[in-house]
Amino acid sequence: MLEKASKAPCRTTWRRSGGDGHASSGSPGSAVQGAACQVTVIEGHSEIIIPQLRKKYEVDKLDFVFLDHWKERYAPDTILMEECGLLRKGTILLADNIIFPGAPEFVKYIRNNERFECTTFHSHLEYMKAEDAMEKAIYLG
């Protein structure tokens, strides 16, 4: 999950929800090429990290959240970010793999929630012909 905090200009946070190593693969700096930014790696489970973002990591609001961790955590983590007051009007959530392996509870939650404006981007799984999609949800407040 990639998060960009509004509080500090061009501050980017990479967090992973489990011990699978997804967030730490690749170069975090590649996401912010050409910008003088601070990159912080936070390891842990999302349900523990999200409530700590404000006090422990000085994150005021999130501008962008890339959801690409455990699919069954997409909906609970979105709700938790709302409850913790981390979303601001205009925060973008981008969820990967909503069809395969699928995140049906997340899709149901955001599409039936008047606080989100949703757009689906159809795609294919990497290296496969199987259909998939990403969901972009803009938080309206």
Protein backbone atom coordinates (compact mmCIF):
# COMPACT_ATOMS: atom_id res chain seq x y z
CA MET A 1 0.00 0.00 0.00
CA LEU A 2 1.50 3.31 -1.05
CA GLU A 3 0.42 6.36 0.85
CA LYS A 4 1.32 9.98 0.30
CA ALA A 5 0.75 12.22 3.26
CA SER A 6 -0.50 15.77 2.81
CA LYS A 7 1.20 17.11 5.92
CA ALA A 8 4.74 17.10 4.51
CA PRO A 9 5.29 18.04 0.86
CA CYS A 10 6.17 15.02 -1.25
CA ARG A 11 6.38 12.64 1.69
CA THR A 12 5.79 9.07 0.61
CA THR A 13 5.16 6.09 2.86
CA TRP A 14 5.42 2.47 1.80
CA ARG A 15 3.70 0.02 4.09
CA ARG A 16 3.11 -3.67 3.82
CA SER A 17 0.35 -5.49 5.60
CA GLY A 18 2.08 -8.80 6.18
CA GLY A 19 5.35 -10.63 5.90
CA ASP A 20 5.07 -11.17 2.16
CA GLY A 21 7.58 -8.48 1.14
CA HIS A 22 5.46 -6.84 -1.55
CA ALA A 23 5.98 -3.26 -0.37
CA SER A 24 9.72 -3.61 -0.13
CA SER A 25 10.22 -5.11 -3.59
CA GLY A 26 11.58 -2.71 -6.19
CA SER A 27 12.94 0.71 -5.48
CA PRO A 28 10.75 3.05 -3.43
CA GLY A 29 12.59 5.98 -4.99
CA SER A 30 11.34 5.01 -8.43
CA ALA A 31 7.86 6.20 -7.43
CA VAL A 32 9.14 9.70 -6.85
CA GLN A 33 11.86 10.17 -9.45
CA GLY A 34 13.11 13.69 -9.72
CA ALA A 35 11.59 14.83 -6.45
CA ALA A 36 13.35 15.40 -3.17
CA CYS A 37 11.14 13.25 -0.98
CA GLN A 38 11.29 11.36 2.27
CA VAL A 39 10.53 7.65 2.00
CA THR A 40 9.58 5.72 5.11
CA VAL A 41 9.14 1.93 5.22
CA ILE A 42 6.67 0.78 7.84
CA GLU A 43 6.31 -2.95 8.29
CA GLY A 44 3.38 -4.51 10.04
CA HIS A 45 -0.25 -5.45 9.77
CA SER A 46 -2.54 -2.78 8.40
CA GLU A 47 -5.05 -3.02 11.23
CA ILE A 48 -2.23 -2.12 13.65
CA ILE A 49 -0.39 0.45 11.50
CA ILE A 50 -3.34 2.51 10.23
CA PRO A 51 -4.46 3.70 13.70
CA GLN A 52 -0.84 4.69 14.47
CA LEU A 53 -0.26 6.78 11.33
CA ARG A 54 -1.40 10.06 12.84
CA LYS A 55 0.37 10.03 16.21
CA LYS A 56 3.36 7.76 15.69
CA TYR A 57 4.19 8.68 12.07
CA GLU A 58 2.79 12.26 11.95
CA VAL A 59 0.51 11.56 8.99
CA ASP A 60 -2.33 14.09 8.93
CA LYS A 61 -4.30 13.05 5.83
CA LEU A 62 -3.68 10.71 2.92
CA ASP A 63 -3.68 11.99 -0.66
CA PHE A 64 -3.31 8.62 -2.38
CA VAL A 65 -3.64 5.02 -1.23
CA PHE A 66 -2.66 2.10 -3.45
CA LEU A 67 -4.36 -1.06 -2.20
CA ASP A 68 -2.42 -4.10 -3.32
CA HIS A 69 -2.14 -6.27 -0.23
CA TRP A 70 -4.42 -8.96 1.22
CA LYS A 71 -7.66 -8.53 -0.76
CA GLU A 72 -9.87 -9.37 2.23
CA ARG A 73 -8.30 -6.37 4.04
CA TYR A 74 -9.26 -3.78 1.38
CA ALA A 75 -12.72 -3.04 2.86
CA PRO A 76 -11.76 -3.19 6.56
CA ASP A 77 -8.68 -1.03 5.93
CA THR A 78 -10.72 1.53 3.99
CA ILE A 79 -13.25 1.71 6.82
CA LEU A 80 -10.41 1.98 9.36
CA MET A 81 -8.79 4.85 7.42
CA GLU A 82 -12.16 6.63 7.46
CA GLU A 83 -12.65 6.01 11.18
CA CYS A 84 -9.14 7.30 11.92
CA GLY A 85 -9.85 10.49 9.96
CA LEU A 86 -7.03 9.85 7.48
CA LEU A 87 -9.08 10.46 4.33
CA ARG A 88 -9.72 14.00 3.11
CA LYS A 89 -12.01 15.26 0.38
CA GLY A 90 -10.21 14.20 -2.82
CA THR A 91 -8.17 11.31 -1.39
CA ILE A 92 -7.75 8.70 -4.12
CA LEU A 93 -7.90 4.99 -3.36
CA LEU A 94 -6.65 2.76 -6.16
CA ALA A 95 -7.35 -0.93 -5.61
CA ASP A 96 -5.61 -3.57 -7.71
CA ASN A 97 -6.93 -7.05 -8.56
CA ILE A 98 -10.57 -6.42 -7.69
CA ILE A 99 -11.76 -9.27 -9.93
CA PHE A 100 -8.94 -11.79 -9.54
CA PRO A 101 -8.28 -12.87 -6.89
CA GLY A 102 -11.01 -10.38 -6.10
CA ALA A 103 -12.06 -7.92 -3.41
CA PRO A 104 -15.87 -8.19 -3.49
CA GLU A 105 -16.48 -6.68 -0.05
CA PHE A 106 -14.37 -3.63 -0.93
CA VAL A 107 -16.15 -3.14 -4.26
CA LYS A 108 -19.56 -3.51 -2.61
CA TYR A 109 -18.62 -1.07 0.15
CA ILE A 110 -17.28 1.76 -2.01
CA ARG A 111 -19.76 1.45 -4.87
CA ASN A 112 -22.70 1.60 -2.45
CA ASN A 113 -21.25 4.46 -0.42
CA GLU A 114 -22.16 8.05 -1.30
CA ARG A 115 -18.83 9.23 0.13
CA PHE A 116 -16.96 7.65 -2.82
CA GLU A 117 -16.99 8.36 -6.55
CA CYS A 118 -15.87 5.19 -8.30
CA THR A 119 -14.39 4.30 -11.68
CA THR A 120 -13.44 0.79 -12.85
CA PHE A 121 -10.46 0.25 -15.14
CA HIS A 122 -10.60 -3.13 -16.83
CA SER A 123 -7.31 -4.91 -17.38
CA HIS A 124 -5.72 -8.34 -17.58
CA LEU A 125 -3.64 -10.19 -15.06
CA GLU A 126 0.07 -9.82 -15.50
CA TYR A 127 1.47 -12.47 -17.87
CA MET A 128 -2.02 -13.96 -18.33
CA LYS A 129 -5.10 -13.42 -20.42
CA ALA A 130 -7.43 -13.57 -17.41
CA GLU A 131 -9.59 -10.48 -16.96
CA ASP A 132 -9.09 -8.27 -13.96
CA ALA A 133 -9.69 -4.64 -13.01
CA MET A 134 -8.58 -1.79 -10.82
CA GLU A 135 -11.02 0.39 -8.94
CA LYS A 136 -10.40 4.09 -8.43
CA ALA A 137 -12.39 5.58 -5.58
CA ILE A 138 -12.27 9.29 -4.84
CA TYR A 139 -13.28 10.16 -1.29
CA LEU A 140 -15.89 12.92 -1.36
CA GLY A 141 -15.95 13.48 2.38
